[in-house]
Amino acid sequence: MNVNHYIGFDVHKKSVSYCVKAADGTILEEGKIPATRAGLRGWAEKRTQPWKGAMESTLFSGWIYDILQPHAGELAMGHPAMMKAIGAAKKKSDKLDARKISDLVRCNLLPECWVAPAGIRELRRVLRYRNLVVGQAVQMKNKINGLLMESGAEYNRRQLHGKEYFAELMETLEEVPESVKELLRESRATLEMFQAGQAKLLKRLQQDARLKQRLEILKSIRGVGTVTALTWALEIGDPQRFGSIARAQSYCGLTSALEESAGKQQRGPISKQCNHHLQTILIEAAKLAPRWNPQLARVHEQAMQKGHRNQATLEVARKLVAYLLAVDKSGKAFQAAVEPKEDVAA
């Protein structure tokens, strides 16, 4: 499709500013659209010329993208971390931001980021909500511990969050204020609610037809559980977009930041510019996976010989990414490489 108009969108909660430019940079139209589905559809349906547009990725850009994308010749999402130059200008307004985005589109300089399909974004939202609920359940567990310690109660820390043990403990608590007991009951009830909620969300994701076969393939890697497989599938989206293992490892936040100047290179800690959901779950998985996976156990042992436990965990996480990417791209269950047998002298 031949594109005649280049449009930049500066999206906000209540309105969307736009700027339409021709190929030579001439401003053809500027204005604001109400940030509603009806308002955006009405504006898009009135466009008479084929157009190419872009917007910065924000919390609420997804639904705006879904509304405008069917009407555009091409619509892209700009990477927020690489569009900081827009906010660094001396003069800043919604109109100027829209102009700058349209120039980036027109000159093909937009730092574009991948936009997951709507179905994947829907499931990813459920998974991230489940992770939030798990975090709140952990807070409740810590609060129960804190209340017991504040009141000087004796208890078994390892068994505390078991239902039967907690009930027995509440009956045997002595010299503990009644207000503390009431708070303990409330905290326990809230904890059970969070645990039931996260289990329900997890079951819903596991049974989704779009994920079922993919999860089975990912879980064929020993040491990869349901949560790790779900996080990988929904945060990575299409594995074919990663041309190499190194790019996937970088996206997961498992590589060091690199600064190079005047022929000198300096490596820093692992980069913060990554998918934090994947980074967290992969590092946690890397701490446990060597117990069940002999290949990962060997990687961990070799790294531990250098004497750094955290580095060993990172090496396991990187190898785990290599395994996950391989099986996800191939669509086949994981098969460990057969190691050559050593020759025995006669």
Protein backbone atom coordinates (compact mmCIF):
# COMPACT_ATOMS: atom_id res chain seq x y z
CA MET A 1 0.00 0.00 0.00
CA ASN A 2 1.32 3.44 -0.98
CA VAL A 3 1.31 5.66 2.11
CA ASN A 4 0.53 9.36 1.65
CA HIS A 5 0.12 10.48 5.24
CA TYR A 6 2.33 9.92 8.29
CA ILE A 7 0.59 10.29 11.63
CA GLY A 8 2.02 10.58 15.12
CA PHE A 9 -0.21 9.93 18.15
CA ASP A 10 0.48 11.22 21.66
CA VAL A 11 -1.83 9.09 23.79
CA HIS A 12 -3.28 10.01 27.18
CA LYS A 13 -6.08 8.68 29.35
CA LYS A 14 -8.69 11.22 28.22
CA SER A 15 -7.48 12.38 24.81
CA VAL A 16 -5.18 11.47 21.93
CA SER A 17 -3.29 14.26 20.15
CA TYR A 18 -2.38 13.60 16.54
CA CYS A 19 -0.35 15.22 13.77
CA VAL A 20 -0.66 14.32 10.08
CA LYS A 21 2.32 15.09 7.85
CA ALA A 22 3.08 14.62 4.17
CA ALA A 23 6.23 12.90 2.92
CA ASP A 24 8.06 16.25 2.71
CA GLY A 25 7.23 17.12 6.34
CA THR A 26 4.38 19.51 5.65
CA ILE A 27 1.79 19.51 8.42
CA LEU A 28 -1.55 18.65 6.87
CA GLU A 29 -3.70 18.31 9.97
CA GLU A 30 -3.48 18.49 13.75
CA GLY A 31 -5.97 17.99 16.53
CA LYS A 32 -7.24 15.95 19.45
CA ILE A 33 -9.45 12.89 19.56
CA PRO A 34 -11.42 11.80 22.63
CA ALA A 35 -9.80 8.67 24.06
CA THR A 36 -12.94 6.57 23.58
CA ARG A 37 -13.61 3.67 21.25
CA ALA A 38 -16.38 5.55 19.44
CA GLY A 39 -14.27 8.69 19.07
CA LEU A 40 -11.25 6.84 17.69
CA ARG A 41 -13.30 4.71 15.28
CA GLY A 42 -15.16 7.78 14.02
CA TRP A 43 -11.89 9.62 13.38
CA ALA A 44 -10.24 6.63 11.66
CA GLU A 45 -13.22 5.94 9.39
CA LYS A 46 -13.06 9.51 8.04
CA ARG A 47 -9.48 9.13 6.78
CA THR A 48 -9.52 9.20 2.98
CA GLN A 49 -5.80 8.69 2.37
CA PRO A 50 -3.73 5.59 3.25
CA TRP A 51 -1.64 6.35 6.30
CA LYS A 52 1.15 5.05 8.48
CA GLY A 53 1.15 5.88 12.17
CA ALA A 54 2.85 5.29 15.48
CA MET A 55 2.41 5.90 19.20
CA GLU A 56 4.52 5.42 22.31
CA SER A 57 3.93 2.24 24.27
CA THR A 58 2.17 3.01 27.56
CA LEU A 59 -0.10 1.23 30.02
CA PHE A 60 -3.20 2.10 27.99
CA SER A 61 -1.80 2.10 24.42
CA GLY A 62 -2.89 -1.48 23.74
CA TRP A 63 -6.61 -0.92 23.29
CA ILE A 64 -5.98 2.26 21.25
CA TYR A 65 -3.67 0.26 18.98
CA ASP A 66 -6.36 -2.42 18.52
CA ILE A 67 -8.95 0.20 17.51
CA LEU A 68 -6.75 2.05 15.01
CA GLN A 69 -4.76 -0.84 13.51
CA PRO A 70 -7.49 -2.17 11.13
CA HIS A 71 -7.82 1.31 9.57
CA ALA A 72 -4.08 1.94 9.08
CA GLY A 73 -1.80 0.91 6.26
CA GLU A 74 0.76 0.32 9.00
CA LEU A 75 0.70 1.09 12.70
CA ALA A 76 3.67 0.75 15.05
CA MET A 77 4.39 1.10 18.76
CA GLY A 78 7.45 3.05 19.89
CA HIS A 79 9.76 1.70 22.60
CA PRO A 80 9.33 4.07 25.59
CA ALA A 81 12.92 3.73 26.85
CA MET A 82 14.29 4.73 23.44
CA MET A 83 11.92 7.65 22.90
CA LYS A 84 13.17 9.67 25.87
CA ALA A 85 14.44 12.36 23.52
CA ILE A 86 10.83 13.47 23.09
CA GLY A 87 10.51 14.27 26.79
CA ALA A 88 13.98 15.88 26.98
CA ALA A 89 13.10 18.83 24.75
CA LYS A 90 13.07 22.37 26.14
CA LYS A 91 9.50 22.88 24.97
CA LYS A 92 7.09 20.03 25.49
CA SER A 93 3.40 19.71 24.74
CA ASP A 94 1.03 17.10 23.38
CA LYS A 95 1.05 18.83 19.99
CA LEU A 96 4.87 18.92 19.78
CA ASP A 97 5.14 15.29 20.89
CA ALA A 98 2.73 14.21 18.17
CA ARG A 99 4.77 16.15 15.61
CA LYS A 100 8.01 14.48 16.68
CA ILE A 101 6.46 11.02 16.53
CA SER A 102 5.12 11.70 13.03
CA ASP A 103 8.63 12.79 11.97
CA LEU A 104 10.09 9.56 13.36
CA VAL A 105 7.55 7.58 11.34
CA ARG A 106 8.10 9.66 8.21
CA CYS A 107 11.88 9.28 8.33
CA ASN A 108 11.69 5.59 9.32
CA LEU A 109 13.57 6.31 12.57
CA LEU A 110 10.97 5.07 15.05
CA PRO A 111 12.49 2.73 17.71
CA GLU A 112 9.75 0.17 17.18
CA CYS A 113 8.85 -2.50 19.73
CA TRP A 114 7.00 -5.76 19.15
CA VAL A 115 3.25 -5.73 19.79
CA ALA A 116 1.82 -9.02 21.02
CA PRO A 117 -1.47 -10.21 19.49
CA ALA A 118 -4.59 -9.29 21.45
CA GLY A 119 -5.16 -12.90 22.56
CA ILE A 120 -1.67 -13.20 24.03
CA ARG A 121 -2.04 -9.85 25.80
CA GLU A 122 -5.30 -11.02 27.33
CA LEU A 123 -3.72 -14.18 28.75
CA ARG A 124 -0.61 -12.29 29.84
CA ARG A 125 -2.79 -9.90 31.82
CA VAL A 126 -4.31 -12.85 33.68
CA LEU A 127 -0.86 -14.29 34.47
CA ARG A 128 0.48 -10.98 35.75
CA TYR A 129 -2.60 -10.53 37.89
CA ARG A 130 -2.01 -14.01 39.32
CA ASN A 131 1.58 -13.02 40.15
CA LEU A 132 0.24 -9.94 41.96
CA VAL A 133 -2.09 -12.13 44.02
CA VAL A 134 0.81 -14.46 44.91
CA GLY A 135 2.81 -11.46 46.10
CA GLN A 136 -0.06 -10.34 48.30
CA ALA A 137 -0.34 -13.86 49.76
CA VAL A 138 3.34 -13.69 50.69
CA GLN A 139 2.71 -10.36 52.42
CA MET A 140 -0.06 -11.97 54.46
CA LYS A 141 2.27 -14.81 55.50
CA ASN A 142 4.88 -12.28 56.61
CA LYS A 143 2.23 -10.34 58.52
CA ILE A 144 1.13 -13.47 60.40
CA ASN A 145 4.77 -14.12 61.35
CA GLY A 146 5.13 -10.51 62.45
CA LEU A 147 2.01 -10.54 64.64
CA LEU A 148 3.16 -13.70 66.44
CA MET A 149 6.65 -12.31 67.00
CA GLU A 150 5.26 -9.00 68.30
CA SER A 151 3.19 -10.82 70.89
CA GLY A 152 6.00 -13.19 71.94
CA ALA A 153 4.13 -16.36 70.92
CA GLU A 154 6.00 -19.62 70.42
CA TYR A 155 5.34 -21.39 67.11
CA ASN A 156 6.87 -23.64 64.48
CA ARG A 157 7.81 -21.37 61.59
CA ARG A 158 7.91 -24.18 59.02
CA GLN A 159 4.41 -25.48 59.86
CA LEU A 160 2.82 -22.12 60.57
CA HIS A 161 0.95 -21.74 57.29
CA GLY A 162 -0.53 -25.23 57.33
CA LYS A 163 -4.28 -25.11 57.92
CA GLU A 164 -4.40 -27.74 60.69
CA TYR A 165 -1.35 -26.42 62.54
CA PHE A 166 -2.66 -22.85 62.47
CA ALA A 167 -6.00 -23.96 63.93
CA GLU A 168 -4.22 -25.84 66.73
CA LEU A 169 -1.94 -22.87 67.39
CA MET A 170 -4.88 -20.48 67.78
CA GLU A 171 -6.34 -22.73 70.48
CA THR A 172 -3.09 -22.91 72.45
CA LEU A 173 -2.08 -19.24 72.34
CA GLU A 174 -1.82 -17.87 75.86
CA GLU A 175 -1.20 -14.35 77.13
CA VAL A 176 -1.80 -13.06 73.60
CA PRO A 177 -4.17 -10.07 73.34
CA GLU A 178 -7.55 -10.81 71.81
CA SER A 179 -6.97 -8.05 69.26
CA VAL A 180 -3.91 -9.94 67.96
CA LYS A 181 -5.90 -13.17 67.69
CA GLU A 182 -8.56 -11.37 65.69
CA LEU A 183 -5.92 -9.94 63.33
CA LEU A 184 -4.41 -13.42 62.93
CA ARG A 185 -7.82 -14.85 61.95
CA GLU A 186 -8.38 -12.02 59.46
CA SER A 187 -4.89 -12.48 58.00
CA ARG A 188 -5.42 -16.24 57.68
CA ALA A 189 -8.77 -15.76 55.93
CA THR A 190 -7.22 -13.25 53.51
CA LEU A 191 -4.33 -15.62 52.84
CA GLU A 192 -6.69 -18.48 51.99
CA MET A 193 -8.65 -16.18 49.68
CA PHE A 194 -5.46 -15.17 47.81
CA GLN A 195 -4.29 -18.79 47.55
CA ALA A 196 -7.64 -19.95 46.17
CA GLY A 197 -7.72 -17.03 43.72
CA GLN A 198 -4.24 -17.65 42.31
CA ALA A 199 -4.95 -21.39 41.95
CA LYS A 200 -8.13 -20.62 40.03
CA LEU A 201 -6.31 -18.24 37.65
CA LEU A 202 -3.49 -20.73 37.12
CA LYS A 203 -5.94 -23.53 36.28
CA ARG A 204 -7.73 -21.25 33.82
CA LEU A 205 -4.47 -20.52 31.98
CA GLN A 206 -3.41 -24.18 31.90
CA GLN A 207 -6.70 -25.22 30.31
CA ASP A 208 -6.62 -22.57 27.57
CA ALA A 209 -6.60 -24.30 24.18
CA ARG A 210 -4.16 -21.75 22.73
CA LEU A 211 -1.49 -22.71 25.28
CA LYS A 212 -2.05 -26.37 26.10
CA GLN A 213 0.20 -28.00 23.50
CA ARG A 214 2.88 -25.35 23.84
CA LEU A 215 3.03 -25.79 27.61
CA GLU A 216 3.45 -29.56 27.25
CA ILE A 217 6.45 -29.05 24.96
CA LEU A 218 8.07 -26.50 27.29
CA LYS A 219 7.51 -28.68 30.34
CA SER A 220 9.30 -31.55 28.62
CA ILE A 221 12.48 -29.84 29.88
CA ARG A 222 13.17 -31.30 33.31
CA GLY A 223 13.05 -28.57 35.93
CA VAL A 224 10.57 -26.40 34.00
CA GLY A 225 7.24 -26.21 35.82
CA THR A 226 3.85 -24.79 34.95
CA VAL A 227 4.52 -21.21 36.08
CA THR A 228 7.88 -21.02 34.27
CA ALA A 229 6.37 -22.43 31.06
CA LEU A 230 3.39 -20.06 31.23
CA THR A 231 5.60 -17.04 31.86
CA TRP A 232 7.87 -17.94 28.97
CA ALA A 233 5.02 -18.57 26.51
CA LEU A 234 3.09 -15.40 27.32
CA GLU A 235 5.98 -12.96 27.80
CA ILE A 236 7.98 -14.18 24.78
CA GLY A 237 4.94 -14.46 22.53
CA ASP A 238 6.34 -15.49 19.15
CA PRO A 239 9.73 -17.19 19.67
CA GLN A 240 10.61 -16.78 15.98
CA ARG A 241 11.22 -13.06 16.55
CA PHE A 242 14.48 -13.93 18.31
CA GLY A 243 17.16 -14.68 15.75
CA SER A 244 19.66 -15.94 18.31
CA ILE A 245 19.93 -17.27 21.85
CA ALA A 246 21.93 -14.18 22.84
CA ARG A 247 19.05 -11.88 21.88
CA ALA A 248 16.60 -13.96 23.92
CA GLN A 249 18.95 -13.93 26.91
CA SER A 250 19.27 -10.15 26.63
CA TYR A 251 15.49 -9.74 26.47
CA CYS A 252 15.19 -11.86 29.64
CA GLY A 253 17.68 -9.63 31.47
CA LEU A 254 20.40 -12.26 31.86
CA THR A 255 23.26 -10.39 30.17
CA SER A 256 25.52 -7.62 31.46
CA ALA A 257 25.16 -4.02 30.37
CA LEU A 258 27.91 -3.01 27.90
CA GLU A 259 29.60 0.38 27.60
CA GLU A 260 32.12 0.84 24.79
CA SER A 261 34.07 4.00 24.02
CA ALA A 262 37.40 4.70 22.32
CA GLY A 263 38.03 0.99 21.84
CA LYS A 264 37.51 0.19 25.52
CA GLN A 265 34.73 -2.06 26.78
CA GLN A 266 33.30 -2.15 30.27
CA ARG A 267 30.77 -4.68 31.51
CA GLY A 268 28.35 -3.78 34.27
CA PRO A 269 25.78 -5.79 36.23
CA ILE A 270 22.89 -7.50 34.47
CA SER A 271 20.87 -4.96 32.52
CA LYS A 272 17.69 -3.42 33.94
CA GLN A 273 16.34 -2.87 30.43
CA CYS A 274 14.58 -6.21 30.10
CA ASN A 275 11.36 -8.08 30.67
CA HIS A 276 11.35 -8.11 34.49
CA HIS A 277 8.63 -10.79 34.67
CA LEU A 278 10.82 -13.23 32.74
CA GLN A 279 13.99 -12.21 34.56
CA THR A 280 12.44 -12.92 37.97
CA ILE A 281 10.88 -16.27 37.11
CA LEU A 282 13.96 -17.57 35.25
CA ILE A 283 16.34 -16.73 38.09
CA GLU A 284 14.00 -18.41 40.58
CA ALA A 285 13.70 -21.45 38.31
CA ALA A 286 17.49 -21.59 37.91
CA LYS A 287 17.89 -22.01 41.67
CA LEU A 288 15.73 -25.16 41.69
CA ALA A 289 16.06 -26.71 38.22
CA PRO A 290 19.52 -28.30 38.78
CA ARG A 291 17.93 -30.60 41.38
CA TRP A 292 15.92 -32.36 38.65
CA ASN A 293 17.90 -31.69 35.49
CA PRO A 294 21.35 -33.34 35.24
CA GLN A 295 22.42 -31.11 32.32
CA LEU A 296 21.65 -27.94 34.30
CA ALA A 297 23.25 -29.47 37.40
CA ARG A 298 26.46 -29.90 35.40
CA VAL A 299 26.33 -26.27 34.27
CA HIS A 300 25.84 -25.16 37.87
CA GLU A 301 28.70 -27.31 39.12
CA GLN A 302 31.12 -26.00 36.50
CA ALA A 303 30.22 -22.40 37.33
CA MET A 304 30.49 -23.05 41.07
CA GLN A 305 34.11 -24.15 40.59
CA LYS A 306 34.84 -20.50 39.93
CA GLY A 307 33.50 -19.76 43.41
CA HIS A 308 30.53 -17.45 42.72
CA ARG A 309 27.05 -18.75 43.55
CA ASN A 310 25.12 -15.89 41.89
CA GLN A 311 27.12 -16.29 38.68
CA ALA A 312 26.35 -20.01 38.72
CA THR A 313 22.62 -19.24 38.97
CA LEU A 314 22.92 -16.86 36.00
CA GLU A 315 24.71 -19.49 33.92
CA VAL A 316 21.91 -21.98 34.63
CA ALA A 317 19.28 -19.37 33.72
CA ARG A 318 21.03 -18.64 30.41
CA LYS A 319 21.21 -22.35 29.57
CA LEU A 320 17.53 -22.65 30.49
CA VAL A 321 16.71 -19.89 27.99
CA ALA A 322 18.63 -21.77 25.31
CA TYR A 323 16.60 -24.94 26.01
CA LEU A 324 13.27 -23.08 26.13
CA LEU A 325 13.92 -21.19 22.90
CA ALA A 326 15.01 -24.35 21.08
CA VAL A 327 11.96 -26.45 21.95
CA ASP A 328 9.59 -23.50 21.48
CA LYS A 329 10.90 -22.79 17.99
CA SER A 330 10.97 -26.43 16.91
CA GLY A 331 7.65 -27.42 18.46
CA LYS A 332 9.21 -30.70 19.59
CA ALA A 333 9.75 -32.09 23.07
CA PHE A 334 13.17 -31.63 24.63
CA GLN A 335 15.75 -34.36 24.09
CA ALA A 336 19.06 -34.18 25.91
CA ALA A 337 22.15 -34.59 23.79
CA VAL A 338 23.78 -37.98 24.15
CA GLU A 339 27.26 -37.57 25.56
CA PRO A 340 30.02 -39.56 23.84
CA LYS A 341 31.35 -42.43 25.90
CA GLU A 342 35.00 -42.36 26.90
CA ASP A 343 37.24 -44.95 25.29
CA VAL A 344 38.52 -47.53 27.76
CA ALA A 345 42.03 -48.68 27.16
CA ALA A 346 42.35 -52.43 26.64
